[in-house]
Amino acid sequence: MRTNEIEHVQLAMPPGKESEARNFYEGVLGIPEVPKPPNLAKRGGCWFVRDALKIHLGVENGSSRPQSTDEGRWL
């Protein structure tokens, strides 16, 4: 199976760790951060996009199973 694009992958992150996420995704992996829509930005987290690669990090409160993760869409 050949994959052309991953629409997005959403991963859970702990509250207050946006700076560490930026250091890793932008600094280490070289994936630029893009602004989240205003209605979602108030929840925290970060979005990173480079070409067809889209990674969304959503803040979770530490529950045993993350509530906001999804697998995106394979295109």
C-alpha atoms as a PDB file:
ATOM      1  CA  MET A   1       0.000   0.000   0.000  1.00  0.00           C
ATOM      2  CA  ARG A   2       1.427   3.372  -1.017  1.00  0.00           C
ATOM      3  CA  THR A   3       0.597   6.376   1.166  1.00  0.00           C
ATOM      4  CA  ASN A   4       0.530   9.832  -0.414  1.00  0.00           C
ATOM      5  CA  GLU A   5      -0.511  11.857   2.587  1.00  0.00           C
ATOM      6  CA  ILE A   6      -1.521  11.604   6.226  1.00  0.00           C
ATOM      7  CA  GLU A   7      -4.267  14.192   6.718  1.00  0.00           C
ATOM      8  CA  HIS A   8      -3.311  14.472  10.359  1.00  0.00           C
ATOM      9  CA  VAL A   9      -2.346  12.518  13.420  1.00  0.00           C
ATOM     10  CA  GLN A  10      -3.470  13.807  16.792  1.00  0.00           C
ATOM     11  CA  LEU A  11      -1.425  12.926  19.855  1.00  0.00           C
ATOM     12  CA  ALA A  12      -2.077  13.673  23.513  1.00  0.00           C
ATOM     13  CA  MET A  13       0.335  15.796  25.541  1.00  0.00           C
ATOM     14  CA  PRO A  14       0.398  16.911  29.195  1.00  0.00           C
ATOM     15  CA  PRO A  15      -0.763  20.425  30.079  1.00  0.00           C
ATOM     16  CA  GLY A  16       1.924  23.114  29.965  1.00  0.00           C
ATOM     17  CA  LYS A  17       4.375  21.180  27.775  1.00  0.00           C
ATOM     18  CA  GLU A  18       3.936  23.243  24.580  1.00  0.00           C
ATOM     19  CA  SER A  19       7.458  24.662  24.827  1.00  0.00           C
ATOM     20  CA  GLU A  20       8.961  21.169  24.983  1.00  0.00           C
ATOM     21  CA  ALA A  21       6.798  20.080  22.040  1.00  0.00           C
ATOM     22  CA  ARG A  22       7.996  23.086  19.999  1.00  0.00           C
ATOM     23  CA  ASN A  23      11.613  22.311  20.844  1.00  0.00           C
ATOM     24  CA  PHE A  24      11.184  18.743  19.592  1.00  0.00           C
ATOM     25  CA  TYR A  25       8.888  19.094  16.568  1.00  0.00           C
ATOM     26  CA  GLU A  26      10.324  22.391  15.270  1.00  0.00           C
ATOM     27  CA  GLY A  27      13.836  22.284  16.692  1.00  0.00           C
ATOM     28  CA  VAL A  28      14.731  18.623  16.272  1.00  0.00           C
ATOM     29  CA  LEU A  29      12.430  17.395  13.490  1.00  0.00           C
ATOM     30  CA  GLY A  30      12.179  20.689  11.581  1.00  0.00           C
ATOM     31  CA  ILE A  31       8.365  20.657  11.303  1.00  0.00           C
ATOM     32  CA  PRO A  32       7.070  24.245  11.562  1.00  0.00           C
ATOM     33  CA  GLU A  33       4.290  25.145  13.971  1.00  0.00           C
ATOM     34  CA  VAL A  34       1.094  26.561  12.465  1.00  0.00           C
ATOM     35  CA  PRO A  35      -1.565  28.519  14.361  1.00  0.00           C
ATOM     36  CA  LYS A  36      -4.521  26.583  15.691  1.00  0.00           C
ATOM     37  CA  PRO A  37      -7.982  27.994  14.987  1.00  0.00           C
ATOM     38  CA  PRO A  38      -8.946  30.448  17.769  1.00  0.00           C
ATOM     39  CA  ASN A  39     -11.724  28.218  19.106  1.00  0.00           C
ATOM     40  CA  LEU A  40      -9.213  25.378  19.587  1.00  0.00           C
ATOM     41  CA  ALA A  41      -6.176  27.449  20.634  1.00  0.00           C
ATOM     42  CA  LYS A  42      -7.752  28.207  24.017  1.00  0.00           C
ATOM     43  CA  ARG A  43      -7.470  24.502  24.893  1.00  0.00           C
ATOM     44  CA  GLY A  44      -3.673  24.552  24.560  1.00  0.00           C
ATOM     45  CA  GLY A  45      -1.568  22.203  22.499  1.00  0.00           C
ATOM     46  CA  CYS A  46       0.237  22.797  19.188  1.00  0.00           C
ATOM     47  CA  TRP A  47      -0.112  21.980  15.499  1.00  0.00           C
ATOM     48  CA  PHE A  48       2.861  21.265  13.248  1.00  0.00           C
ATOM     49  CA  VAL A  49       2.714  21.002   9.457  1.00  0.00           C
ATOM     50  CA  ARG A  50       5.278  20.304   6.759  1.00  0.00           C
ATOM     51  CA  ASP A  51       3.916  19.576   3.299  1.00  0.00           C
ATOM     52  CA  ALA A  52       1.568  16.587   3.604  1.00  0.00           C
ATOM     53  CA  LEU A  53       2.640  15.809   7.195  1.00  0.00           C
ATOM     54  CA  LYS A  54       0.266  17.211   9.832  1.00  0.00           C
ATOM     55  CA  ILE A  55       0.714  16.539  13.555  1.00  0.00           C
ATOM     56  CA  HIS A  56      -1.777  17.892  16.095  1.00  0.00           C
ATOM     57  CA  LEU A  57      -0.913  17.795  19.805  1.00  0.00           C
ATOM     58  CA  GLY A  58      -3.887  18.130  22.128  1.00  0.00           C
ATOM     59  CA  VAL A  59      -3.657  18.722  25.873  1.00  0.00           C
ATOM     60  CA  GLU A  60      -4.973  15.947  28.091  1.00  0.00           C
ATOM     61  CA  ASN A  61      -5.551  16.107  31.826  1.00  0.00           C
ATOM     62  CA  GLY A  62      -3.757  12.863  32.649  1.00  0.00           C
ATOM     63  CA  SER A  63      -6.627  10.397  32.271  1.00  0.00           C
ATOM     64  CA  SER A  64      -5.620   6.805  31.610  1.00  0.00           C
ATOM     65  CA  ARG A  65      -6.910   6.850  28.011  1.00  0.00           C
ATOM     66  CA  PRO A  66      -6.463  10.052  25.983  1.00  0.00           C
ATOM     67  CA  GLN A  67      -9.804  11.475  24.886  1.00  0.00           C
ATOM     68  CA  SER A  68      -8.725  13.693  21.978  1.00  0.00           C
ATOM     69  CA  THR A  69      -6.537  11.395  19.928  1.00  0.00           C
ATOM     70  CA  ASP A  70      -7.510  10.187  16.511  1.00  0.00           C
ATOM     71  CA  GLU A  71      -5.728   8.390  13.742  1.00  0.00           C
ATOM     72  CA  GLY A  72      -6.342  10.904  10.974  1.00  0.00           C
ATOM     73  CA  ARG A  73      -7.097   9.836   7.434  1.00  0.00           C
ATOM     74  CA  TRP A  74      -4.818   7.980   5.063  1.00  0.00           C
ATOM     75  CA  LEU A  75      -4.884   9.401   1.549  1.00  0.00           C
END
